[in-house]
């Protein structure tokens, strides 16, 4: 028998990315691992960077040059070699522990775990909205409907029904993926939201009225927030906004703000290693993404005591009750959205009540300890399924 640890089986968290970082996936891994450590559970985070191969650095660096030649080739290179080195690292980690459970963070890491495992069940966190192919396409890294796009989706459709468990971040994610792949309804699953750490930060500097956090790309739709601020300014309400994050759209967003005459109202803070520490002191968290699973940025804002303005899309409807923790605004009508923004900020008692409710819900429903217990309970109960492998 393998080492079950003091309180249960070992949990091996397999991720394609370094644990340090600000993406939702990285935050999920880091926060859950912190919970496991605090609960005295035997747990290890394994990434491709744990591989001992001397070729790892030059192989990963080669993608930079390859991407200049062909973005889809760069995507293929990323997926193949991250899976390759993650599989190597997992084989070493689980070699002496047949009773571990492998908790993977995406189809790439799930496929690597399925190939590496012997008797260990493999569970995948469904961070993806529809498919990783759609996410790459949304970033402009591969053409939608192209050969690699179709290959990635076909791979997911073979892999996911073979898993021993799936953790969905939201009911929205479960319904979307089940509609696309009906056979995954046979896979044991649970809906467990992303965990968020309690906010211990205090106000520093001079926060703006509004704040948003996210990679600066089309899907996050920060240009719409600029348009809303412009519409509010035309009505005489010149609200300030902090935009946290880096990305290819930064220059275009700055130009758009200048064109609307609100360049002095918007601060582009770029990449920040610890975005939650910058949230306290703002009056509202604004989210304009057109598609989301269960965004950690919103959870972190709620934990910091900020009410939320967001579109009623994806899993956001499961996080925010309109009029309680925040409000929904349209994502296709900047004038109407500006009206929602103005009305919310002019009603300070209501804004304050929503702020308190947002923090209360983050603490009671999405906190690291609450979510950690639920997720650990599901992983502990997962068992190996007998499925003919197609991977």
Protein backbone atom coordinates (compact mmCIF):
# COMPACT_ATOMS: atom_id res chain seq x y z
CA UNK A 1 0.00 0.00 0.00
CA UNK A 2 1.14 3.56 -0.68
CA UNK A 3 1.42 6.29 1.90
CA UNK A 4 -2.07 7.55 2.68
CA UNK A 5 -0.75 10.35 4.83
CA UNK A 6 -2.09 11.39 8.24
CA UNK A 7 -5.56 12.22 7.08
CA UNK A 8 -6.11 10.49 3.76
CA UNK A 9 -4.68 9.61 0.38
CA UNK A 10 -2.04 11.75 -1.28
CA UNK A 11 -3.41 14.37 -3.67
CA UNK A 12 -1.13 15.05 -6.61
CA UNK A 13 -2.08 18.30 -8.33
CA UNK A 14 -0.94 18.18 -11.96
CA UNK A 15 -0.74 21.50 -13.77
CA UNK A 16 0.73 22.55 -17.13
CA UNK A 17 1.83 25.90 -15.69
CA UNK A 18 4.20 27.07 -13.00
CA UNK A 19 2.27 27.45 -9.73
CA UNK A 20 3.35 31.08 -9.38
CA UNK A 21 1.31 33.46 -11.49
CA UNK A 22 -1.95 35.37 -11.67
CA UNK A 23 -4.09 33.29 -14.05
CA UNK A 24 -7.25 31.71 -12.71
CA UNK A 25 -5.76 28.24 -13.09
CA UNK A 26 -2.62 29.21 -11.18
CA UNK A 27 -4.65 30.86 -8.41
CA UNK A 28 -6.83 27.75 -8.12
CA UNK A 29 -3.81 25.46 -7.78
CA UNK A 30 -2.01 27.69 -5.32
CA UNK A 31 -5.02 28.33 -3.08
CA UNK A 32 -6.09 24.69 -2.99
CA UNK A 33 -2.53 23.58 -2.19
CA UNK A 34 -2.43 26.08 0.67
CA UNK A 35 -5.63 24.56 2.02
CA UNK A 36 -4.19 21.03 1.80
CA UNK A 37 -1.06 22.09 3.63
CA UNK A 38 -3.13 23.73 6.36
CA UNK A 39 -5.24 20.58 6.65
CA UNK A 40 -2.06 18.47 7.09
CA UNK A 41 -2.77 16.52 3.93
CA UNK A 42 -0.06 14.84 1.88
CA UNK A 43 -0.12 16.87 -1.32
CA UNK A 44 2.26 17.72 -4.13
CA UNK A 45 2.01 20.12 -7.06
CA UNK A 46 3.63 18.70 -10.18
CA UNK A 47 4.26 20.71 -13.34
CA UNK A 48 6.37 20.14 -16.47
CA UNK A 49 9.01 22.31 -14.84
CA UNK A 50 9.57 19.58 -12.24
CA UNK A 51 11.12 17.45 -14.99
CA UNK A 52 14.83 16.75 -14.55
CA UNK A 53 15.56 16.83 -18.25
CA UNK A 54 18.43 19.09 -19.31
CA UNK A 55 16.56 19.69 -22.57
CA UNK A 56 13.51 21.25 -20.93
CA UNK A 57 14.67 24.87 -21.12
CA UNK A 58 15.89 24.83 -24.74
CA UNK A 59 12.82 22.87 -25.88
CA UNK A 60 10.42 25.36 -24.27
CA UNK A 61 12.46 28.32 -25.51
CA UNK A 62 12.26 26.99 -29.08
CA UNK A 63 8.53 27.75 -29.08
CA UNK A 64 9.27 31.48 -29.12
CA UNK A 65 11.01 31.25 -32.49
CA UNK A 66 8.52 28.73 -33.83
CA UNK A 67 5.61 31.01 -32.98
CA UNK A 68 7.07 33.75 -35.16
CA UNK A 69 6.87 31.37 -38.10
CA UNK A 70 3.46 29.87 -37.27
CA UNK A 71 1.22 30.57 -34.28
CA UNK A 72 -0.64 27.23 -34.62
CA UNK A 73 2.73 25.43 -34.69
CA UNK A 74 3.59 27.25 -31.46
CA UNK A 75 0.35 26.01 -29.89
CA UNK A 76 1.08 22.44 -30.97
CA UNK A 77 4.62 22.71 -29.58
CA UNK A 78 3.32 24.04 -26.27
CA UNK A 79 0.76 21.30 -25.86
CA UNK A 80 3.03 18.41 -26.92
CA UNK A 81 6.07 19.29 -24.85
CA UNK A 82 4.22 20.44 -21.75
CA UNK A 83 2.38 17.11 -21.76
CA UNK A 84 5.61 15.20 -22.38
CA UNK A 85 7.53 16.69 -19.48
CA UNK A 86 4.54 16.66 -17.15
CA UNK A 87 4.08 12.95 -17.83
CA UNK A 88 7.74 12.31 -16.96
CA UNK A 89 7.43 14.24 -13.70
CA UNK A 90 4.19 12.47 -12.77
CA UNK A 91 5.64 9.02 -13.33
CA UNK A 92 8.34 9.75 -10.76
CA UNK A 93 5.92 11.29 -8.28
CA UNK A 94 3.40 8.43 -8.25
CA UNK A 95 5.80 5.50 -8.73
CA UNK A 96 5.65 4.50 -5.07
CA UNK A 97 2.13 5.57 -4.28
CA UNK A 98 -0.59 3.50 -5.97
CA UNK A 99 -3.27 5.04 -3.72
CA UNK A 100 -2.80 8.67 -4.75
CA UNK A 101 -5.39 10.63 -6.71
CA UNK A 102 -4.20 12.88 -9.53
CA UNK A 103 -6.05 16.18 -9.74
CA UNK A 104 -5.36 17.70 -13.17
CA UNK A 105 -6.10 21.22 -14.37
CA UNK A 106 -6.81 20.92 -18.10
CA UNK A 107 -7.13 18.34 -20.91
CA UNK A 108 -3.38 18.53 -21.62
CA UNK A 109 -2.45 17.67 -18.03
CA UNK A 110 -5.29 15.13 -17.78
CA UNK A 111 -3.99 13.29 -20.85
CA UNK A 112 -0.46 13.25 -19.41
CA UNK A 113 -1.80 11.85 -16.14
CA UNK A 114 -3.83 9.14 -17.88
CA UNK A 115 -0.70 7.95 -19.65
CA UNK A 116 1.46 8.12 -16.51
CA UNK A 117 -0.90 6.52 -14.00
CA UNK A 118 -1.03 2.89 -13.02
CA UNK A 119 -3.75 2.50 -10.37
CA UNK A 120 -4.33 6.15 -9.52
CA UNK A 121 -7.65 7.75 -10.48
CA UNK A 122 -7.44 10.92 -12.58
CA UNK A 123 -9.76 13.85 -11.98
CA UNK A 124 -9.84 17.00 -14.11
CA UNK A 125 -10.83 20.52 -13.08
CA UNK A 126 -12.95 21.94 -15.89
CA UNK A 127 -11.55 25.45 -16.04
CA UNK A 128 -12.31 25.62 -19.77
CA UNK A 129 -15.45 27.37 -20.99
CA UNK A 130 -16.09 25.28 -24.10
CA UNK A 131 -12.77 23.93 -25.36
CA UNK A 132 -9.11 24.79 -25.15
CA UNK A 133 -9.30 25.08 -28.94
CA UNK A 134 -11.74 27.97 -28.56
CA UNK A 135 -9.52 29.61 -25.96
CA UNK A 136 -6.47 29.45 -28.24
CA UNK A 137 -8.59 30.74 -31.13
CA UNK A 138 -9.89 33.58 -28.98
CA UNK A 139 -6.33 34.68 -28.33
CA UNK A 140 -5.59 34.68 -32.04
CA UNK A 141 -3.15 31.76 -31.78
CA UNK A 142 -4.95 29.45 -34.19
CA UNK A 143 -7.78 29.78 -36.72
CA UNK A 144 -11.21 28.70 -35.56
CA UNK A 145 -12.24 25.60 -37.47
CA UNK A 146 -8.71 24.88 -38.69
CA UNK A 147 -6.94 21.54 -38.56
CA UNK A 148 -5.35 21.98 -35.12
CA UNK A 149 -8.54 23.49 -33.75
CA UNK A 150 -10.51 20.40 -34.82
CA UNK A 151 -7.78 18.10 -33.53
CA UNK A 152 -7.84 19.66 -30.04
CA UNK A 153 -11.60 19.39 -29.79
CA UNK A 154 -11.55 15.77 -30.98
CA UNK A 155 -8.87 14.95 -28.42
CA UNK A 156 -11.01 16.40 -25.61
CA UNK A 157 -14.02 14.43 -26.82
CA UNK A 158 -12.03 11.19 -26.55
CA UNK A 159 -10.33 12.04 -23.26
CA UNK A 160 -12.98 13.51 -20.98
CA UNK A 161 -15.36 10.50 -21.00
CA UNK A 162 -12.45 8.29 -19.85
CA UNK A 163 -11.65 10.31 -16.73
CA UNK A 164 -12.42 9.04 -13.25
CA UNK A 165 -13.91 12.35 -12.20
CA UNK A 166 -14.56 15.91 -13.32
CA UNK A 167 -14.77 18.97 -11.08
CA UNK A 168 -16.82 21.72 -12.69
CA UNK A 169 -16.29 25.28 -11.49
CA UNK A 170 -19.92 26.11 -12.22
CA UNK A 171 -23.23 24.58 -13.27
CA UNK A 172 -22.81 26.58 -16.44
CA UNK A 173 -19.59 24.74 -17.29
CA UNK A 174 -21.20 21.37 -16.59
CA UNK A 175 -24.18 22.08 -18.83
CA UNK A 176 -22.09 23.46 -21.70
CA UNK A 177 -19.63 20.57 -21.71
CA UNK A 178 -22.37 17.94 -21.31
CA UNK A 179 -24.22 19.45 -24.26
CA UNK A 180 -21.08 19.23 -26.35
CA UNK A 181 -20.07 15.76 -25.08
CA UNK A 182 -23.13 13.86 -23.77
CA UNK A 183 -21.04 10.84 -22.75
CA UNK A 184 -19.32 12.79 -19.96
CA UNK A 185 -22.57 12.58 -18.03
CA UNK A 186 -21.38 9.06 -17.13
CA UNK A 187 -18.26 10.44 -15.43
CA UNK A 188 -18.57 11.04 -11.66
CA UNK A 189 -18.60 14.77 -11.11
CA UNK A 190 -19.14 17.61 -8.69
CA UNK A 191 -19.67 21.34 -9.04
CA UNK A 192 -17.15 23.02 -6.74
CA UNK A 193 -16.36 26.70 -7.27
CA UNK A 194 -12.93 28.23 -7.35
CA UNK A 195 -11.55 28.91 -3.86
CA UNK A 196 -10.50 32.37 -2.77
CA UNK A 197 -8.29 33.47 0.10
CA UNK A 198 -9.72 35.87 2.67
CA UNK A 199 -8.63 39.41 1.97
CA UNK A 200 -6.16 40.80 4.50
CA UNK A 201 -5.14 43.79 2.40
CA UNK A 202 -5.85 47.38 3.38
CA UNK A 203 -6.24 50.47 1.26
CA UNK A 204 -2.95 51.86 -0.02
CA UNK A 205 -2.29 54.85 -2.24
CA UNK A 206 -5.27 56.50 -3.92
CA UNK A 207 -7.57 53.89 -5.47
CA UNK A 208 -9.76 54.83 -8.41
CA UNK A 209 -13.54 54.57 -8.30
CA UNK A 210 -13.60 51.40 -10.39
CA UNK A 211 -11.21 48.50 -10.85
CA UNK A 212 -11.00 45.53 -13.19
CA UNK A 213 -8.47 42.72 -13.47
CA UNK A 214 -7.71 40.56 -16.49
CA UNK A 215 -5.51 39.86 -19.48
CA UNK A 216 -5.95 42.66 -22.00
CA UNK A 217 -7.50 40.78 -24.90
CA UNK A 218 -10.68 40.84 -26.93
CA UNK A 219 -12.58 38.24 -24.90
CA UNK A 220 -12.14 40.26 -21.70
CA UNK A 221 -13.71 43.21 -23.51
CA UNK A 222 -12.04 46.04 -21.58
CA UNK A 223 -12.73 48.32 -24.57
CA UNK A 224 -16.39 48.21 -23.57
CA UNK A 225 -15.53 49.48 -20.08
CA UNK A 226 -13.73 52.41 -21.71
CA UNK A 227 -16.87 53.12 -23.76
CA UNK A 228 -19.04 53.00 -20.63
CA UNK A 229 -16.77 55.46 -18.85
CA UNK A 230 -16.95 57.72 -21.90
CA UNK A 231 -20.75 57.56 -21.90
CA UNK A 232 -20.84 58.43 -18.19
CA UNK A 233 -18.44 61.33 -18.73
CA UNK A 234 -20.72 62.79 -21.39
CA UNK A 235 -23.43 62.93 -18.72
CA UNK A 236 -21.09 64.78 -16.35
CA UNK A 237 -19.93 61.80 -14.28
CA UNK A 238 -16.17 61.45 -14.66
CA UNK A 239 -15.34 58.25 -12.81
CA UNK A 240 -11.77 56.98 -12.54
CA UNK A 241 -10.76 53.38 -13.24
CA UNK A 242 -7.75 51.16 -12.55
CA UNK A 243 -7.17 48.45 -15.17
CA UNK A 244 -4.87 45.71 -13.87
CA UNK A 245 -3.29 43.33 -16.35
CA UNK A 246 -1.06 43.14 -19.37
CA UNK A 247 -1.80 41.97 -22.89
CA UNK A 248 -1.81 42.79 -26.59
CA UNK A 249 -4.75 45.23 -26.40
CA UNK A 250 -3.14 47.75 -24.03
CA UNK A 251 -2.08 50.29 -26.65
CA UNK A 252 -5.47 50.15 -28.39
CA UNK A 253 -7.26 50.62 -25.07
CA UNK A 254 -5.14 53.63 -24.19
CA UNK A 255 -5.83 55.14 -27.60
CA UNK A 256 -9.56 54.55 -27.19
CA UNK A 257 -9.56 56.31 -23.81
CA UNK A 258 -7.72 59.28 -25.30
CA UNK A 259 -10.13 59.46 -28.24
CA UNK A 260 -13.07 59.66 -25.82
CA UNK A 261 -11.37 62.37 -23.77
CA UNK A 262 -11.05 60.22 -20.66
CA UNK A 263 -7.37 59.30 -20.86
CA UNK A 264 -6.76 61.07 -17.55
CA UNK A 265 -9.46 58.96 -15.86
CA UNK A 266 -7.99 55.55 -16.66
CA UNK A 267 -4.83 54.12 -15.14
CA UNK A 268 -3.27 51.10 -16.83
CA UNK A 269 -1.37 49.37 -14.02
CA UNK A 270 -0.01 46.54 -16.16
CA UNK A 271 1.00 43.15 -14.77
CA UNK A 272 0.79 42.95 -10.99
CA UNK A 273 2.12 39.96 -9.05
CA UNK A 274 -0.59 40.29 -6.38
CA UNK A 275 -3.75 41.87 -7.82
CA UNK A 276 -5.94 41.19 -4.72
CA UNK A 277 -3.72 43.46 -2.65
CA UNK A 278 -4.65 46.38 -4.91
CA UNK A 279 -8.42 45.94 -4.71
CA UNK A 280 -9.38 47.46 -1.32
CA UNK A 281 -10.43 51.08 -1.44
CA UNK A 282 -12.10 50.93 -4.84
CA UNK A 283 -15.84 51.51 -4.90
CA UNK A 284 -16.84 48.94 -7.55
CA UNK A 285 -15.40 45.97 -9.40
CA UNK A 286 -16.36 46.06 -13.09
CA UNK A 287 -16.26 43.03 -15.35
CA UNK A 288 -16.98 43.14 -19.08
CA UNK A 289 -15.93 39.68 -20.34
CA UNK A 290 -18.36 38.15 -22.81
CA UNK A 291 -17.78 34.55 -21.72
CA UNK A 292 -16.71 33.25 -18.31
CA UNK A 293 -16.76 30.01 -16.34
CA UNK A 294 -16.31 31.19 -12.73
CA UNK A 295 -13.79 34.05 -12.78
CA UNK A 296 -11.47 34.22 -9.79
CA UNK A 297 -11.02 37.95 -10.32
CA UNK A 298 -14.64 38.52 -9.32
CA UNK A 299 -14.29 36.26 -6.28
CA UNK A 300 -11.18 38.15 -5.17
CA UNK A 301 -13.05 41.43 -5.55
CA UNK A 302 -15.96 40.13 -3.47
CA UNK A 303 -13.54 38.90 -0.81
CA UNK A 304 -12.08 42.43 -0.72
CA UNK A 305 -15.56 43.83 -0.09
CA UNK A 306 -16.31 45.23 -3.54
CA UNK A 307 -19.75 45.01 -5.14
CA UNK A 308 -19.69 43.76 -8.74
CA UNK A 309 -20.99 45.10 -12.03
CA UNK A 310 -20.83 42.39 -14.69
CA UNK A 311 -22.64 40.87 -17.62
CA UNK A 312 -25.08 38.04 -16.86
CA UNK A 313 -22.95 35.50 -18.73
CA UNK A 314 -21.65 32.02 -17.95
CA UNK A 315 -21.05 31.16 -14.31
CA UNK A 316 -21.21 34.80 -13.19
CA UNK A 317 -24.94 34.32 -12.67
CA UNK A 318 -24.08 31.75 -10.00
CA UNK A 319 -21.75 34.16 -8.17
CA UNK A 320 -23.67 37.41 -8.06
CA UNK A 321 -27.33 37.86 -7.16
CA UNK A 322 -28.52 41.09 -8.82
CA UNK A 323 -29.23 43.76 -6.23
CA UNK A 324 -27.52 41.75 -3.50
CA UNK A 325 -23.77 41.39 -4.22
CA UNK A 326 -23.85 43.63 -7.28
CA UNK A 327 -25.72 44.29 -10.48
CA UNK A 328 -25.79 43.05 -14.06
CA UNK A 329 -25.30 45.42 -16.94
CA UNK A 330 -25.66 44.91 -20.68
CA UNK A 331 -22.54 44.13 -22.69
CA UNK A 332 -23.85 45.61 -25.93
CA UNK A 333 -25.19 49.01 -24.91
CA UNK A 334 -22.66 51.39 -23.33
CA UNK A 335 -25.25 54.12 -22.76
CA UNK A 336 -27.52 51.82 -20.74
CA UNK A 337 -24.55 50.38 -18.88
CA UNK A 338 -23.41 53.90 -18.01
CA UNK A 339 -26.83 54.49 -16.49
CA UNK A 340 -26.41 51.40 -14.29
CA UNK A 341 -22.94 52.58 -13.25
CA UNK A 342 -24.10 56.10 -12.35
CA UNK A 343 -27.14 54.87 -10.47
CA UNK A 344 -25.04 52.42 -8.45
CA UNK A 345 -22.39 54.94 -7.45
CA UNK A 346 -24.91 57.66 -6.61
CA UNK A 347 -26.76 55.38 -4.17
CA UNK A 348 -24.07 55.04 -1.51
CA UNK A 349 -26.18 53.21 1.11
CA UNK A 350 -27.11 50.57 -1.44
CA UNK A 351 -23.53 50.30 -2.71
CA UNK A 352 -22.30 49.83 0.86
CA UNK A 353 -24.90 47.13 1.51
CA UNK A 354 -23.89 45.28 -1.67
CA UNK A 355 -20.23 45.53 -0.65
CA UNK A 356 -20.97 43.90 2.71
CA UNK A 357 -23.06 41.19 1.06
CA UNK A 358 -20.32 40.46 -1.48
CA UNK A 359 -17.74 39.95 1.24
CA UNK A 360 -20.13 37.85 3.31
CA UNK A 361 -20.84 35.53 0.37
CA UNK A 362 -17.16 35.22 -0.50
CA UNK A 363 -16.37 34.27 3.09
CA UNK A 364 -19.19 31.76 3.51
CA UNK A 365 -19.46 30.17 0.06
CA UNK A 366 -16.19 30.63 -1.82
CA UNK A 367 -13.55 30.76 0.91
CA UNK A 368 -10.48 28.55 0.75
CA UNK A 369 -11.56 26.41 3.71
CA UNK A 370 -15.16 25.90 2.59
CA UNK A 371 -14.23 25.04 -0.99
CA UNK A 372 -11.15 23.09 0.07
CA UNK A 373 -13.22 20.73 2.24
CA UNK A 374 -15.73 20.10 -0.55
CA UNK A 375 -13.06 19.51 -3.18
CA UNK A 376 -10.99 17.24 -0.95
CA UNK A 377 -14.07 15.21 -0.08
CA UNK A 378 -14.80 14.60 -3.75
CA UNK A 379 -11.20 13.68 -4.56
CA UNK A 380 -10.97 11.29 -1.60
CA UNK A 381 -14.06 9.47 -2.83
CA UNK A 382 -12.88 9.07 -6.42
CA UNK A 383 -12.13 5.55 -7.61
CA UNK A 384 -10.59 4.08 -10.76
CA UNK A 385 -13.15 3.40 -13.49
CA UNK A 386 -12.93 0.56 -15.97
CA UNK A 387 -12.95 2.29 -19.36
CA UNK A 388 -11.24 1.20 -22.56
CA UNK A 389 -8.60 3.85 -23.18
CA UNK A 390 -8.53 5.69 -26.49
CA UNK A 391 -5.72 8.04 -25.42
